[in-house]
Protein backbone atom coordinates (compact mmCIF):
# COMPACT_ATOMS: atom_id res chain seq x y z
CA MET A 1 106.40 105.38 73.18
CA THR A 2 104.48 102.64 74.97
CA ARG A 3 101.72 103.80 77.29
CA PHE A 4 99.47 101.83 79.61
CA HIS A 5 95.69 102.01 79.53
CA LEU A 6 93.80 101.08 82.71
CA VAL A 7 90.75 99.24 81.45
CA SER A 8 88.86 98.02 84.51
CA VAL A 9 88.74 97.32 88.22
CA SER A 10 86.88 94.52 89.88
CA SER A 11 86.80 93.39 93.47
CA SER A 12 85.01 90.89 95.64
CA ILE A 13 84.66 90.90 99.41
CA VAL A 14 84.77 87.68 101.42
CA GLU A 15 84.65 86.90 105.12
CA ASP A 16 88.08 86.57 106.76
CA ILE A 17 87.76 84.08 109.58
CA TYR A 18 90.57 84.34 112.13
CA GLU A 19 92.96 81.37 111.94
CA GLU A 20 90.70 79.65 109.38
CA GLY A 21 90.98 81.89 106.31
CA GLU A 22 88.38 82.89 103.79
CA GLY A 23 84.72 82.28 104.34
CA LYS A 24 81.66 83.03 102.26
CA GLU A 25 81.35 85.81 99.71
CA THR A 26 79.37 88.89 100.69
CA GLY A 27 78.16 89.72 97.18
CA CYS A 28 79.75 93.17 97.53
CA GLY A 29 82.61 94.69 95.59
CA LEU A 30 83.36 96.68 92.46
CA ASN A 31 83.03 96.08 88.74
CA GLU A 32 83.86 99.25 86.82
CA GLN A 33 85.31 100.31 83.50
CA ILE A 34 88.07 102.93 83.96
CA GLY A 35 89.56 104.16 80.65
CA LYS A 36 92.58 106.11 81.92
CA THR A 37 96.01 106.12 80.19
CA PHE A 38 99.44 106.50 81.81
CA ASP A 39 102.90 107.23 80.39
CA SER A 40 104.53 104.41 82.36
CA LEU A 41 103.60 101.26 84.22
CA ASN A 42 105.09 102.82 87.34
CA LYS A 43 102.71 105.82 87.07
CA LEU A 44 99.76 103.45 86.64
CA GLU A 45 100.79 101.51 89.73
CA GLU A 46 101.27 104.73 91.74
CA TYR A 47 97.80 105.90 90.69
CA LEU A 48 96.20 102.62 91.81
CA LYS A 49 97.92 102.70 95.18
CA SER A 50 96.97 106.32 95.79
CA TYR A 51 93.41 106.34 94.42
CA TYR A 52 92.35 103.02 95.98
CA ASP A 53 94.47 103.44 99.15
CA LEU A 54 96.50 100.28 98.57
CA GLU A 55 99.98 99.36 99.75
CA ASP A 56 101.09 96.38 97.70
CA LEU A 57 100.21 95.29 94.19
CA GLU A 58 101.34 92.15 92.40
CA LYS A 59 101.64 92.01 88.62
CA GLU A 60 100.09 88.95 86.97
CA GLY A 61 100.28 89.21 83.19
CA MET A 62 98.35 92.35 82.18
CA THR A 63 96.71 92.63 85.60
CA PHE A 64 97.58 94.04 89.00
CA VAL A 65 96.08 92.18 91.98
CA THR A 66 96.00 92.67 95.72
CA SER A 67 93.92 91.92 98.80
CA VAL A 68 93.08 94.33 101.61
CA GLY A 69 91.53 93.78 105.04
CA ARG A 70 88.16 95.45 105.52
CA ALA A 71 85.63 96.09 108.27
CA ASN A 72 81.96 96.50 107.42
CA HIS A 73 80.84 99.92 108.65
CA SER A 74 77.75 99.98 106.42
CA GLU A 75 75.41 100.59 109.35
CA LYS A 76 77.45 103.52 110.73
CA GLN A 77 77.49 107.19 109.77
CA ASN A 78 79.65 107.67 106.67
CA GLY A 79 79.70 103.87 106.48
CA GLY A 80 81.12 101.46 103.98
CA TRP A 81 83.98 98.99 103.72
CA MET A 82 86.81 100.52 105.76
CA VAL A 83 90.30 99.53 106.84
CA PRO A 84 89.82 97.89 110.25
CA THR A 85 90.95 99.75 113.34
CA PRO A 86 93.49 98.15 115.72
CA ASP A 87 90.60 97.59 118.17
CA GLU A 88 88.56 95.79 115.50
CA ILE A 89 91.54 93.58 114.67
CA GLU A 90 91.88 92.60 118.34
CA GLN A 91 88.15 91.84 118.54
CA TRP A 92 88.47 89.77 115.33
CA LYS A 93 91.28 87.73 116.91
CA GLN A 94 88.94 87.04 119.83
CA LYS A 95 86.19 86.09 117.34
CA LYS A 96 83.96 88.93 118.58
CA VAL A 97 83.64 90.65 115.18
CA THR A 98 83.82 89.54 111.56
CA LEU A 99 86.38 91.15 109.29
CA TYR A 100 86.67 90.75 105.53
CA LEU A 101 89.15 90.62 102.65
CA GLU A 102 88.62 92.65 99.50
CA HIS A 103 90.32 91.05 96.51
CA TYR A 104 91.14 93.58 93.77
CA SER A 105 91.97 92.99 90.11
CA PHE A 106 92.99 95.85 87.78
CA GLY A 107 93.16 95.06 84.07
CA TYR A 108 95.31 97.15 81.71
CA LEU A 109 96.62 97.15 78.14
CA GLU A 110 99.81 98.38 76.49
CA VAL A 111 99.06 101.14 73.98
CA LEU A 112 101.54 102.09 71.27
């Protein structure tokens, strides 16, 4: 039976400039070794979506990738990189706040 071993996750966070696209890198993100094995590729994908609060993943070779919008709440109580609120998205469209994109990459291997 083939199983699937989640090896690592990495992400980078870049500015998302309304109507212009990606801006400069923030230097923030993840780079972690995981080491978790799943009985099916579907179970691995479900785990990633649930654990990292993701909606869509694309498969590229032996990697899943996705990008997620983020707001920087680092200076607030319980801060960090959060999903932007509808109000923040409206302010971003008016160029009143900066929002970000977090690009994820999850590497895995097939294990016999």
